[in-house]
């Protein structure tokens, strides 16, 4: 069984409200979950995480990967020689970290709250 539950595509948008209709139509009949994170506004629309706000001080990442166990991810990243660029921390929807893989890809790993 995989530790990975799902992947969420991170989409930076200038105008959250103007962007929502397209992503809602693409995702189908899903509940839009909105929440703030630091100085940004986010909306989870099915497999899309729309991010609006000042992006320049935040690490650009390819996707958010939902996992069963963050400690398993930390072990795998250490074995591979990945760089943890944002240490594990509590966020509104769970515990997250951001890592840069040896190939340069950057991912956020999130263990959702149970």
PDB file of N, CA and C in Angstrom:
ATOM      1  N   UNK A   1       0.844  -1.185   0.000  1.00  0.00           N
ATOM      2  CA  UNK A   1       0.000   0.000   0.000  1.00  0.00           C
ATOM      3  C   UNK A   1       0.886   1.244   0.000  1.00  0.00           C
ATOM      4  N   UNK A   2       0.533   2.215  -0.787  1.00  0.00           N
ATOM      5  CA  UNK A   2       1.316   3.437  -0.924  1.00  0.00           C
ATOM      6  C   UNK A   2       1.054   4.394   0.236  1.00  0.00           C
ATOM      7  N   UNK A   3       2.082   5.118   0.629  1.00  0.00           N
ATOM      8  CA  UNK A   3       1.943   6.171   1.623  1.00  0.00           C
ATOM      9  C   UNK A   3       1.232   7.385   1.022  1.00  0.00           C
ATOM     10  N   UNK A   4       1.251   7.502  -0.306  1.00  0.00           N
ATOM     11  CA  UNK A   4       0.637   8.650  -0.979  1.00  0.00           C
ATOM     12  C   UNK A   4      -0.858   8.412  -1.155  1.00  0.00           C
ATOM     13  N   UNK A   5      -1.662   9.356  -0.642  1.00  0.00           N
ATOM     14  CA  UNK A   5      -3.119   9.285  -0.754  1.00  0.00           C
ATOM     15  C   UNK A   5      -3.627   9.973  -2.009  1.00  0.00           C
ATOM     16  N   UNK A   6      -3.032  11.123  -2.335  1.00  0.00           N
ATOM     17  CA  UNK A   6      -3.490  11.922  -3.475  1.00  0.00           C
ATOM     18  C   UNK A   6      -2.466  13.008  -3.758  1.00  0.00           C
ATOM     19  N   UNK A   7      -2.596  13.613  -4.943  1.00  0.00           N
ATOM     20  CA  UNK A   7      -1.763  14.759  -5.290  1.00  0.00           C
ATOM     21  C   UNK A   7      -2.682  15.909  -5.659  1.00  0.00           C
ATOM     22  N   UNK A   8      -2.285  17.089  -5.255  1.00  0.00           N
ATOM     23  CA  UNK A   8      -3.047  18.292  -5.531  1.00  0.00           C
ATOM     24  C   UNK A   8      -2.149  19.240  -6.315  1.00  0.00           C
ATOM     25  N   UNK A   9      -2.640  19.717  -7.439  1.00  0.00           N
ATOM     26  CA  UNK A   9      -1.885  20.642  -8.272  1.00  0.00           C
ATOM     27  C   UNK A   9      -1.990  22.041  -7.683  1.00  0.00           C
ATOM     28  N   UNK A  10      -0.863  22.701  -7.523  1.00  0.00           N
ATOM     29  CA  UNK A  10      -0.834  24.067  -7.017  1.00  0.00           C
ATOM     30  C   UNK A  10      -0.900  25.033  -8.201  1.00  0.00           C
ATOM     31  N   UNK A  11      -1.875  25.928  -8.167  1.00  0.00           N
ATOM     32  CA  UNK A  11      -2.083  26.870  -9.261  1.00  0.00           C
ATOM     33  C   UNK A  11      -2.052  28.284  -8.693  1.00  0.00           C
ATOM     34  N   UNK A  12      -1.065  29.051  -9.091  1.00  0.00           N
ATOM     35  CA  UNK A  12      -0.991  30.445  -8.660  1.00  0.00           C
ATOM     36  C   UNK A  12      -1.894  31.278  -9.554  1.00  0.00           C
ATOM     37  N   UNK A  13      -2.764  32.058  -8.938  1.00  0.00           N
ATOM     38  CA  UNK A  13      -3.698  32.892  -9.696  1.00  0.00           C
ATOM     39  C   UNK A  13      -3.628  34.323  -9.188  1.00  0.00           C
ATOM     40  N   UNK A  14      -3.875  35.262 -10.087  1.00  0.00           N
ATOM     41  CA  UNK A  14      -3.894  36.671  -9.691  1.00  0.00           C
ATOM     42  C   UNK A  14      -5.198  37.026  -9.001  1.00  0.00           C
ATOM     43  N   UNK A  15      -6.304  36.467  -9.488  1.00  0.00           N
ATOM     44  CA  UNK A  15      -7.625  36.805  -8.958  1.00  0.00           C
ATOM     45  C   UNK A  15      -8.360  35.509  -8.630  1.00  0.00           C
ATOM     46  N   UNK A  16      -8.450  35.215  -7.348  1.00  0.00           N
ATOM     47  CA  UNK A  16      -9.066  33.966  -6.903  1.00  0.00           C
ATOM     48  C   UNK A  16     -10.516  33.868  -7.359  1.00  0.00           C
ATOM     49  N   UNK A  17     -11.276  34.918  -7.174  1.00  0.00           N
ATOM     50  CA  UNK A  17     -12.703  34.896  -7.524  1.00  0.00           C
ATOM     51  C   UNK A  17     -12.913  34.663  -9.024  1.00  0.00           C
ATOM     52  N   UNK A  18     -12.117  35.324  -9.847  1.00  0.00           N
ATOM     53  CA  UNK A  18     -12.261  35.175 -11.298  1.00  0.00           C
ATOM     54  C   UNK A  18     -11.828  33.788 -11.775  1.00  0.00           C
ATOM     55  N   UNK A  19     -10.930  33.148 -11.035  1.00  0.00           N
ATOM     56  CA  UNK A  19     -10.416  31.831 -11.432  1.00  0.00           C
ATOM     57  C   UNK A  19     -11.313  30.681 -11.006  1.00  0.00           C
ATOM     58  N   UNK A  20     -12.090  30.867  -9.961  1.00  0.00           N
ATOM     59  CA  UNK A  20     -12.894  29.771  -9.408  1.00  0.00           C
ATOM     60  C   UNK A  20     -13.853  29.099 -10.394  1.00  0.00           C
ATOM     61  N   UNK A  21     -14.604  29.831 -11.223  1.00  0.00           N
ATOM     62  CA  UNK A  21     -15.582  29.153 -12.084  1.00  0.00           C
ATOM     63  C   UNK A  21     -14.992  28.057 -12.978  1.00  0.00           C
ATOM     64  N   UNK A  22     -13.858  28.318 -13.599  1.00  0.00           N
ATOM     65  CA  UNK A  22     -13.256  27.312 -14.467  1.00  0.00           C
ATOM     66  C   UNK A  22     -12.866  26.064 -13.674  1.00  0.00           C
ATOM     67  N   UNK A  23     -12.211  26.246 -12.544  1.00  0.00           N
ATOM     68  CA  UNK A  23     -11.749  25.091 -11.769  1.00  0.00           C
ATOM     69  C   UNK A  23     -12.913  24.323 -11.152  1.00  0.00           C
ATOM     70  N   UNK A  24     -13.983  25.032 -10.795  1.00  0.00           N
ATOM     71  CA  UNK A  24     -15.179  24.347 -10.295  1.00  0.00           C
ATOM     72  C   UNK A  24     -15.801  23.495 -11.398  1.00  0.00           C
ATOM     73  N   UNK A  25     -15.836  24.029 -12.612  1.00  0.00           N
ATOM     74  CA  UNK A  25     -16.407  23.256 -13.714  1.00  0.00           C
ATOM     75  C   UNK A  25     -15.531  22.041 -14.031  1.00  0.00           C
ATOM     76  N   UNK A  26     -14.217  22.214 -14.024  1.00  0.00           N
ATOM     77  CA  UNK A  26     -13.307  21.103 -14.303  1.00  0.00           C
ATOM     78  C   UNK A  26     -13.382  20.009 -13.232  1.00  0.00           C
ATOM     79  N   UNK A  27     -13.495  20.419 -11.975  1.00  0.00           N
ATOM     80  CA  UNK A  27     -13.485  19.463 -10.866  1.00  0.00           C
ATOM     81  C   UNK A  27     -14.835  18.791 -10.651  1.00  0.00           C
ATOM     82  N   UNK A  28     -15.892  19.361 -11.195  1.00  0.00           N
ATOM     83  CA  UNK A  28     -17.212  18.771 -11.014  1.00  0.00           C
ATOM     84  C   UNK A  28     -17.873  19.270  -9.750  1.00  0.00           C
ATOM     85  N   UNK A  29     -18.786  18.490  -9.249  1.00  0.00           N
ATOM     86  CA  UNK A  29     -19.591  18.878  -8.098  1.00  0.00           C
ATOM     87  C   UNK A  29     -18.812  18.656  -6.799  1.00  0.00           C
ATOM     88  N   UNK A  30     -17.895  19.584  -6.511  1.00  0.00           N
ATOM     89  CA  UNK A  30     -17.086  19.481  -5.290  1.00  0.00           C
ATOM     90  C   UNK A  30     -17.290  20.720  -4.435  1.00  0.00           C
ATOM     91  N   UNK A  31     -17.123  20.543  -3.157  1.00  0.00           N
ATOM     92  CA  UNK A  31     -17.188  21.666  -2.236  1.00  0.00           C
ATOM     93  C   UNK A  31     -15.884  22.452  -2.329  1.00  0.00           C
ATOM     94  N   UNK A  32     -15.977  23.754  -2.444  1.00  0.00           N
ATOM     95  CA  UNK A  32     -14.793  24.606  -2.454  1.00  0.00           C
ATOM     96  C   UNK A  32     -14.449  24.935  -1.007  1.00  0.00           C
ATOM     97  N   UNK A  33     -13.239  24.599  -0.619  1.00  0.00           N
ATOM     98  CA  UNK A  33     -12.782  24.897   0.742  1.00  0.00           C
ATOM     99  C   UNK A  33     -11.794  26.063   0.658  1.00  0.00           C
ATOM    100  N   UNK A  34     -12.131  27.140   1.342  1.00  0.00           N
ATOM    101  CA  UNK A  34     -11.276  28.335   1.343  1.00  0.00           C
ATOM    102  C   UNK A  34     -10.591  28.463   2.696  1.00  0.00           C
ATOM    103  N   UNK A  35      -9.338  28.921   2.654  1.00  0.00           N
ATOM    104  CA  UNK A  35      -8.630  29.161   3.910  1.00  0.00           C
ATOM    105  C   UNK A  35      -7.444  30.077   3.658  1.00  0.00           C
ATOM    106  N   UNK A  36      -7.075  30.848   4.671  1.00  0.00           N
ATOM    107  CA  UNK A  36      -5.892  31.698   4.547  1.00  0.00           C
ATOM    108  C   UNK A  36      -4.649  30.902   4.933  1.00  0.00           C
ATOM    109  N   UNK A  37      -3.529  31.276   4.380  1.00  0.00           N
ATOM    110  CA  UNK A  37      -2.235  30.749   4.806  1.00  0.00           C
ATOM    111  C   UNK A  37      -1.249  31.896   4.712  1.00  0.00           C
ATOM    112  N   UNK A  38      -0.703  32.262   5.857  1.00  0.00           N
ATOM    113  CA  UNK A  38       0.171  33.420   5.956  1.00  0.00           C
ATOM    114  C   UNK A  38      -0.519  34.609   5.313  1.00  0.00           C
ATOM    115  N   UNK A  39       0.063  35.216   4.281  1.00  0.00           N
ATOM    116  CA  UNK A  39      -0.542  36.399   3.667  1.00  0.00           C
ATOM    117  C   UNK A  39      -1.237  36.085   2.343  1.00  0.00           C
ATOM    118  N   UNK A  40      -1.597  34.819   2.159  1.00  0.00           N
ATOM    119  CA  UNK A  40      -2.243  34.409   0.908  1.00  0.00           C
ATOM    120  C   UNK A  40      -3.639  33.866   1.198  1.00  0.00           C
ATOM    121  N   UNK A  41      -4.459  33.812   0.150  1.00  0.00           N
ATOM    122  CA  UNK A  41      -5.776  33.185   0.218  1.00  0.00           C
ATOM    123  C   UNK A  41      -5.743  31.960  -0.674  1.00  0.00           C
ATOM    124  N   UNK A  42      -6.263  30.847  -0.155  1.00  0.00           N
ATOM    125  CA  UNK A  42      -6.252  29.597  -0.889  1.00  0.00           C
ATOM    126  C   UNK A  42      -7.659  29.060  -1.034  1.00  0.00           C
ATOM    127  N   UNK A  43      -7.874  28.325  -2.114  1.00  0.00           N
ATOM    128  CA  UNK A  43      -9.150  27.645  -2.326  1.00  0.00           C
ATOM    129  C   UNK A  43      -8.833  26.263  -2.887  1.00  0.00           C
ATOM    130  N   UNK A  44      -9.295  25.243  -2.186  1.00  0.00           N
ATOM    131  CA  UNK A  44      -9.139  23.874  -2.650  1.00  0.00           C
ATOM    132  C   UNK A  44     -10.390  23.515  -3.437  1.00  0.00           C
ATOM    133  N   UNK A  45     -10.189  23.216  -4.728  1.00  0.00           N
ATOM    134  CA  UNK A  45     -11.292  22.894  -5.626  1.00  0.00           C
ATOM    135  C   UNK A  45     -10.971  21.527  -6.225  1.00  0.00           C
ATOM    136  N   UNK A  46     -11.479  20.471  -5.599  1.00  0.00           N
ATOM    137  CA  UNK A  46     -11.141  19.125  -6.061  1.00  0.00           C
ATOM    138  C   UNK A  46      -9.635  18.927  -6.015  1.00  0.00           C
ATOM    139  N   UNK A  47      -8.998  18.594  -7.156  1.00  0.00           N
ATOM    140  CA  UNK A  47      -7.562  18.355  -7.159  1.00  0.00           C
ATOM    141  C   UNK A  47      -6.713  19.609  -7.398  1.00  0.00           C
ATOM    142  N   UNK A  48      -7.347  20.786  -7.365  1.00  0.00           N
ATOM    143  CA  UNK A  48      -6.645  22.040  -7.615  1.00  0.00           C
ATOM    144  C   UNK A  48      -6.581  22.884  -6.343  1.00  0.00           C
ATOM    145  N   UNK A  49      -5.386  23.365  -6.011  1.00  0.00           N
ATOM    146  CA  UNK A  49      -5.236  24.309  -4.916  1.00  0.00           C
ATOM    147  C   UNK A  49      -4.890  25.653  -5.531  1.00  0.00           C
ATOM    148  N   UNK A  50      -5.876  26.564  -5.544  1.00  0.00           N
ATOM    149  CA  UNK A  50      -5.663  27.898  -6.096  1.00  0.00           C
ATOM    150  C   UNK A  50      -5.047  28.770  -5.015  1.00  0.00           C
ATOM    151  N   UNK A  51      -3.986  29.473  -5.390  1.00  0.00           N
ATOM    152  CA  UNK A  51      -3.223  30.280  -4.434  1.00  0.00           C
ATOM    153  C   UNK A  51      -3.176  31.703  -4.953  1.00  0.00           C
ATOM    154  N   UNK A  52      -3.673  32.635  -4.144  1.00  0.00           N
ATOM    155  CA  UNK A  52      -3.701  34.036  -4.533  1.00  0.00           C
ATOM    156  C   UNK A  52      -3.044  34.866  -3.441  1.00  0.00           C
ATOM    157  N   UNK A  53      -2.247  35.819  -3.851  1.00  0.00           N
ATOM    158  CA  UNK A  53      -1.586  36.692  -2.891  1.00  0.00           C
ATOM    159  C   UNK A  53      -0.141  36.896  -3.287  1.00  0.00           C
ATOM    160  N   UNK A  54       0.618  37.566  -2.430  1.00  0.00           N
ATOM    161  CA  UNK A  54       2.030  37.824  -2.761  1.00  0.00           C
ATOM    162  C   UNK A  54       2.841  36.526  -2.736  1.00  0.00           C
ATOM    163  N   UNK A  55       3.302  36.113  -3.898  1.00  0.00           N
ATOM    164  CA  UNK A  55       3.995  34.833  -4.040  1.00  0.00           C
ATOM    165  C   UNK A  55       5.507  34.940  -3.868  1.00  0.00           C
ATOM    166  N   UNK A  56       6.037  36.132  -4.005  1.00  0.00           N
ATOM    167  CA  UNK A  56       7.482  36.277  -4.124  1.00  0.00           C
ATOM    168  C   UNK A  56       8.274  35.738  -2.929  1.00  0.00           C
ATOM    169  N   UNK A  57       7.718  35.745  -1.733  1.00  0.00           N
ATOM    170  CA  UNK A  57       8.489  35.248  -0.587  1.00  0.00           C
ATOM    171  C   UNK A  57       8.202  33.778  -0.265  1.00  0.00           C
ATOM    172  N   UNK A  58       7.405  33.120  -1.071  1.00  0.00           N
ATOM    173  CA  UNK A  58       7.070  31.719  -0.835  1.00  0.00           C
ATOM    174  C   UNK A  58       7.770  30.825  -1.843  1.00  0.00           C
ATOM    175  N   UNK A  59       8.129  29.651  -1.401  1.00  0.00           N
ATOM    176  CA  UNK A  59       8.830  28.692  -2.245  1.00  0.00           C
ATOM    177  C   UNK A  59       7.867  28.138  -3.286  1.00  0.00           C
ATOM    178  N   UNK A  60       8.268  28.204  -4.537  1.00  0.00           N
ATOM    179  CA  UNK A  60       7.445  27.647  -5.612  1.00  0.00           C
ATOM    180  C   UNK A  60       7.559  26.132  -5.580  1.00  0.00           C
ATOM    181  N   UNK A  61       6.421  25.466  -5.601  1.00  0.00           N
ATOM    182  CA  UNK A  61       6.425  24.002  -5.541  1.00  0.00           C
ATOM    183  C   UNK A  61       5.544  23.447  -6.650  1.00  0.00           C
ATOM    184  N   UNK A  62       5.843  22.230  -7.078  1.00  0.00           N
ATOM    185  CA  UNK A  62       5.133  21.606  -8.183  1.00  0.00           C
ATOM    186  C   UNK A  62       3.741  21.132  -7.797  1.00  0.00           C
ATOM    187  N   UNK A  63       3.606  20.563  -6.614  1.00  0.00           N
ATOM    188  CA  UNK A  63       2.323  19.995  -6.190  1.00  0.00           C
ATOM    189  C   UNK A  63       2.356  19.752  -4.687  1.00  0.00           C
ATOM    190  N   UNK A  64       1.174  19.493  -4.148  1.00  0.00           N
ATOM    191  CA  UNK A  64       1.045  19.053  -2.762  1.00  0.00           C
ATOM    192  C   UNK A  64       0.718  17.569  -2.805  1.00  0.00           C
ATOM    193  N   UNK A  65       1.457  16.794  -2.026  1.00  0.00           N
ATOM    194  CA  UNK A  65       1.251  15.352  -1.984  1.00  0.00           C
ATOM    195  C   UNK A  65       0.684  15.000  -0.615  1.00  0.00           C
ATOM    196  N   UNK A  66      -0.534  14.453  -0.594  1.00  0.00           N
ATOM    197  CA  UNK A  66      -1.159  14.032   0.653  1.00  0.00           C
ATOM    198  C   UNK A  66      -0.650  12.644   1.012  1.00  0.00           C
ATOM    199  N   UNK A  67      -0.184  12.495   2.259  1.00  0.00           N
ATOM    200  CA  UNK A  67       0.409  11.229   2.690  1.00  0.00           C
ATOM    201  C   UNK A  67      -0.228  10.741   3.979  1.00  0.00           C
ATOM    202  N   UNK A  68      -0.154   9.436   4.190  1.00  0.00           N
ATOM    203  CA  UNK A  68      -0.619   8.824   5.442  1.00  0.00           C
ATOM    204  C   UNK A  68       0.326   9.159   6.586  1.00  0.00           C
ATOM    205  N   UNK A  69       1.652   9.121   6.297  1.00  0.00           N
ATOM    206  CA  UNK A  69       2.659   9.271   7.344  1.00  0.00           C
ATOM    207  C   UNK A  69       3.779  10.197   6.896  1.00  0.00           C
ATOM    208  N   UNK A  70       3.875  11.362   7.517  1.00  0.00           N
ATOM    209  CA  UNK A  70       4.952  12.296   7.210  1.00  0.00           C
ATOM    210  C   UNK A  70       6.316  11.748   7.642  1.00  0.00           C
ATOM    211  N   UNK A  71       6.429  11.039   8.777  1.00  0.00           N
ATOM    212  CA  UNK A  71       7.737  10.473   9.143  1.00  0.00           C
ATOM    213  C   UNK A  71       8.300   9.527   8.075  1.00  0.00           C
ATOM    214  N   UNK A  72       7.448   8.772   7.391  1.00  0.00           N
ATOM    215  CA  UNK A  72       7.936   7.910   6.311  1.00  0.00           C
ATOM    216  C   UNK A  72       8.515   8.741   5.170  1.00  0.00           C
ATOM    217  N   UNK A  73       7.898   9.879   4.887  1.00  0.00           N
ATOM    218  CA  UNK A  73       8.392  10.781   3.848  1.00  0.00           C
ATOM    219  C   UNK A  73       9.752  11.346   4.255  1.00  0.00           C
ATOM    220  N   UNK A  74       9.871  11.776   5.509  1.00  0.00           N
ATOM    221  CA  UNK A  74      11.130  12.339   6.002  1.00  0.00           C
ATOM    222  C   UNK A  74      12.249  11.311   5.848  1.00  0.00           C
ATOM    223  N   UNK A  75      11.984  10.064   6.188  1.00  0.00           N
ATOM    224  CA  UNK A  75      12.993   9.007   6.041  1.00  0.00           C
ATOM    225  C   UNK A  75      13.397   8.828   4.582  1.00  0.00           C
ATOM    226  N   UNK A  76      12.414   8.753   3.690  1.00  0.00           N
ATOM    227  CA  UNK A  76      12.705   8.562   2.261  1.00  0.00           C
ATOM    228  C   UNK A  76      13.497   9.739   1.704  1.00  0.00           C
ATOM    229  N   UNK A  77      13.129  10.955   2.111  1.00  0.00           N
ATOM    230  CA  UNK A  77      13.836  12.138   1.633  1.00  0.00           C
ATOM    231  C   UNK A  77      15.281  12.141   2.112  1.00  0.00           C
ATOM    232  N   UNK A  78      15.506  11.762   3.362  1.00  0.00           N
ATOM    233  CA  UNK A  78      16.864  11.720   3.912  1.00  0.00           C
ATOM    234  C   UNK A  78      17.716  10.704   3.158  1.00  0.00           C
ATOM    235  N   UNK A  79      17.164   9.530   2.894  1.00  0.00           N
ATOM    236  CA  UNK A  79      17.902   8.493   2.158  1.00  0.00           C
ATOM    237  C   UNK A  79      18.293   8.963   0.761  1.00  0.00           C
ATOM    238  N   UNK A  80      17.424   9.756   0.146  1.00  0.00           N
ATOM    239  CA  UNK A  80      17.667  10.216  -1.224  1.00  0.00           C
ATOM    240  C   UNK A  80      18.567  11.448  -1.281  1.00  0.00           C
ATOM    241  N   UNK A  81      18.844  12.059  -0.128  1.00  0.00           N
ATOM    242  CA  UNK A  81      19.651  13.269  -0.108  1.00  0.00           C
ATOM    243  C   UNK A  81      18.882  14.521  -0.464  1.00  0.00           C
ATOM    244  N   UNK A  82      17.564  14.503  -0.254  1.00  0.00           N
ATOM    245  CA  UNK A  82      16.724  15.672  -0.531  1.00  0.00           C
ATOM    246  C   UNK A  82      16.968  16.746   0.526  1.00  0.00           C
ATOM    247  N   UNK A  83      16.652  17.974   0.171  1.00  0.00           N
ATOM    248  CA  UNK A  83      16.799  19.113   1.079  1.00  0.00           C
ATOM    249  C   UNK A  83      15.423  19.502   1.619  1.00  0.00           C
ATOM    250  N   UNK A  84      15.288  19.542   2.933  1.00  0.00           N
ATOM    251  CA  UNK A  84      14.052  20.041   3.540  1.00  0.00           C
ATOM    252  C   UNK A  84      14.170  21.566   3.549  1.00  0.00           C
ATOM    253  N   UNK A  85      13.337  22.233   2.755  1.00  0.00           N
ATOM    254  CA  UNK A  85      13.416  23.688   2.655  1.00  0.00           C
ATOM    255  C   UNK A  85      12.424  24.388   3.572  1.00  0.00           C
ATOM    256  N   UNK A  86      11.445  23.674   4.054  1.00  0.00           N
ATOM    257  CA  UNK A  86      10.493  24.206   5.035  1.00  0.00           C
ATOM    258  C   UNK A  86      10.181  23.060   5.987  1.00  0.00           C
ATOM    259  N   UNK A  87      10.705  23.154   7.191  1.00  0.00           N
ATOM    260  CA  UNK A  87      10.598  22.088   8.195  1.00  0.00           C
ATOM    261  C   UNK A  87       9.138  21.751   8.505  1.00  0.00           C
ATOM    262  N   UNK A  88       8.878  20.534   8.989  1.00  0.00           N
ATOM    263  CA  UNK A  88       7.505  20.165   9.351  1.00  0.00           C
ATOM    264  C   UNK A  88       6.880  21.187  10.298  1.00  0.00           C
ATOM    265  N   UNK A  89       5.648  21.561   9.985  1.00  0.00           N
ATOM    266  CA  UNK A  89       4.923  22.520  10.825  1.00  0.00           C
ATOM    267  C   UNK A  89       3.433  22.250  10.728  1.00  0.00           C
ATOM    268  N   UNK A  90       2.735  22.679  11.756  1.00  0.00           N
ATOM    269  CA  UNK A  90       1.282  22.534  11.792  1.00  0.00           C
ATOM    270  C   UNK A  90       0.648  23.644  10.962  1.00  0.00           C
ATOM    271  N   UNK A  91      -0.317  23.265  10.129  1.00  0.00           N
ATOM    272  CA  UNK A  91      -1.094  24.206   9.331  1.00  0.00           C
ATOM    273  C   UNK A  91      -2.564  23.882   9.572  1.00  0.00           C
ATOM    274  N   UNK A  92      -3.479  24.711   9.082  1.00  0.00           N
ATOM    275  CA  UNK A  92      -4.899  24.477   9.389  1.00  0.00           C
ATOM    276  C   UNK A  92      -5.422  23.084   9.058  1.00  0.00           C
ATOM    277  N   UNK A  93      -4.857  22.436   8.037  1.00  0.00           N
ATOM    278  CA  UNK A  93      -5.403  21.145   7.626  1.00  0.00           C
ATOM    279  C   UNK A  93      -4.493  19.949   7.912  1.00  0.00           C
ATOM    280  N   UNK A  94      -3.436  20.138   8.700  1.00  0.00           N
ATOM    281  CA  UNK A  94      -2.569  19.016   9.046  1.00  0.00           C
ATOM    282  C   UNK A  94      -1.152  19.444   9.354  1.00  0.00           C
ATOM    283  N   UNK A  95      -0.203  18.560   9.045  1.00  0.00           N
ATOM    284  CA  UNK A  95       1.222  18.832   9.239  1.00  0.00           C
ATOM    285  C   UNK A  95       1.892  18.764   7.876  1.00  0.00           C
ATOM    286  N   UNK A  96       2.734  19.744   7.568  1.00  0.00           N
ATOM    287  CA  UNK A  96       3.334  19.835   6.242  1.00  0.00           C
ATOM    288  C   UNK A  96       4.827  20.065   6.316  1.00  0.00           C
ATOM    289  N   UNK A  97       5.472  19.759   5.218  1.00  0.00           N
ATOM    290  CA  UNK A  97       6.863  20.144   5.005  1.00  0.00           C
ATOM    291  C   UNK A  97       7.039  20.353   3.514  1.00  0.00           C
ATOM    292  N   UNK A  98       8.087  21.089   3.150  1.00  0.00           N
ATOM    293  CA  UNK A  98       8.406  21.307   1.750  1.00  0.00           C
ATOM    294  C   UNK A  98       9.828  20.812   1.540  1.00  0.00           C
ATOM    295  N   UNK A  99      10.024  20.029   0.460  1.00  0.00           N
ATOM    296  CA  UNK A  99      11.341  19.461   0.185  1.00  0.00           C
ATOM    297  C   UNK A  99      11.721  19.656  -1.276  1.00  0.00           C
ATOM    298  N   UNK A 100      13.029  19.850  -1.471  1.00  0.00           N
ATOM    299  CA  UNK A 100      13.584  19.899  -2.826  1.00  0.00           C
ATOM    300  C   UNK A 100      14.283  18.561  -3.060  1.00  0.00           C
ATOM    301  N   UNK A 101      13.810  17.825  -4.048  1.00  0.00           N
ATOM    302  CA  UNK A 101      14.390  16.530  -4.385  1.00  0.00           C
ATOM    303  C   UNK A 101      15.759  16.741  -5.042  1.00  0.00           C
ATOM    304  N   UNK A 102      16.608  15.721  -5.053  1.00  0.00           N
ATOM    305  CA  UNK A 102      17.919  15.860  -5.688  1.00  0.00           C
ATOM    306  C   UNK A 102      17.845  16.287  -7.160  1.00  0.00           C
ATOM    307  N   UNK A 103      16.721  15.990  -7.846  1.00  0.00           N
ATOM    308  CA  UNK A 103      16.579  16.403  -9.244  1.00  0.00           C
ATOM    309  C   UNK A 103      16.090  17.844  -9.388  1.00  0.00           C
ATOM    310  N   UNK A 104      15.853  18.525  -8.262  1.00  0.00           N
ATOM    311  CA  UNK A 104      15.430  19.925  -8.284  1.00  0.00           C
ATOM    312  C   UNK A 104      13.938  20.135  -8.125  1.00  0.00           C
ATOM    313  N   UNK A 105      13.134  19.083  -8.242  1.00  0.00           N
ATOM    314  CA  UNK A 105      11.684  19.216  -8.076  1.00  0.00           C
ATOM    315  C   UNK A 105      11.366  19.557  -6.623  1.00  0.00           C
ATOM    316  N   UNK A 106      10.399  20.456  -6.436  1.00  0.00           N
ATOM    317  CA  UNK A 106       9.996  20.881  -5.095  1.00  0.00           C
ATOM    318  C   UNK A 106       8.549  20.481  -4.859  1.00  0.00           C
ATOM    319  N   UNK A 107       8.310  19.780  -3.744  1.00  0.00           N
ATOM    320  CA  UNK A 107       6.974  19.328  -3.396  1.00  0.00           C
ATOM    321  C   UNK A 107       6.657  19.673  -1.947  1.00  0.00           C
ATOM    322  N   UNK A 108       5.378  19.952  -1.720  1.00  0.00           N
ATOM    323  CA  UNK A 108       4.877  20.069  -0.361  1.00  0.00           C
ATOM    324  C   UNK A 108       4.281  18.703  -0.021  1.00  0.00           C
ATOM    325  N   UNK A 109       4.622  18.188   1.151  1.00  0.00           N
ATOM    326  CA  UNK A 109       4.039  16.934   1.644  1.00  0.00           C
ATOM    327  C   UNK A 109       3.140  17.298   2.808  1.00  0.00           C
ATOM    328  N   UNK A 110       1.917  16.792   2.808  1.00  0.00           N
ATOM    329  CA  UNK A 110       0.942  17.119   3.832  1.00  0.00           C
ATOM    330  C   UNK A 110       0.340  15.842   4.397  1.00  0.00           C
ATOM    331  N   UNK A 111       0.420  15.713   5.722  1.00  0.00           N
ATOM    332  CA  UNK A 111      -0.300  14.652   6.414  1.00  0.00           C
ATOM    333  C   UNK A 111      -1.547  15.293   6.990  1.00  0.00           C
ATOM    334  N   UNK A 112      -2.706  15.041   6.375  1.00  0.00           N
ATOM    335  CA  UNK A 112      -3.945  15.682   6.846  1.00  0.00           C
ATOM    336  C   UNK A 112      -4.310  15.269   8.260  1.00  0.00           C
ATOM    337  N   UNK A 113      -5.038  16.124   8.920  1.00  0.00           N
ATOM    338  CA  UNK A 113      -5.548  15.781  10.247  1.00  0.00           C
ATOM    339  C   UNK A 113      -6.526  14.605  10.102  1.00  0.00           C
ATOM    340  N   UNK A 114      -6.502  13.741  11.090  1.00  0.00           N
ATOM    341  CA  UNK A 114      -7.385  12.562  11.048  1.00  0.00           C
ATOM    342  C   UNK A 114      -8.811  12.937  11.354  1.00  0.00           C
TER     343      UNK A 114
END
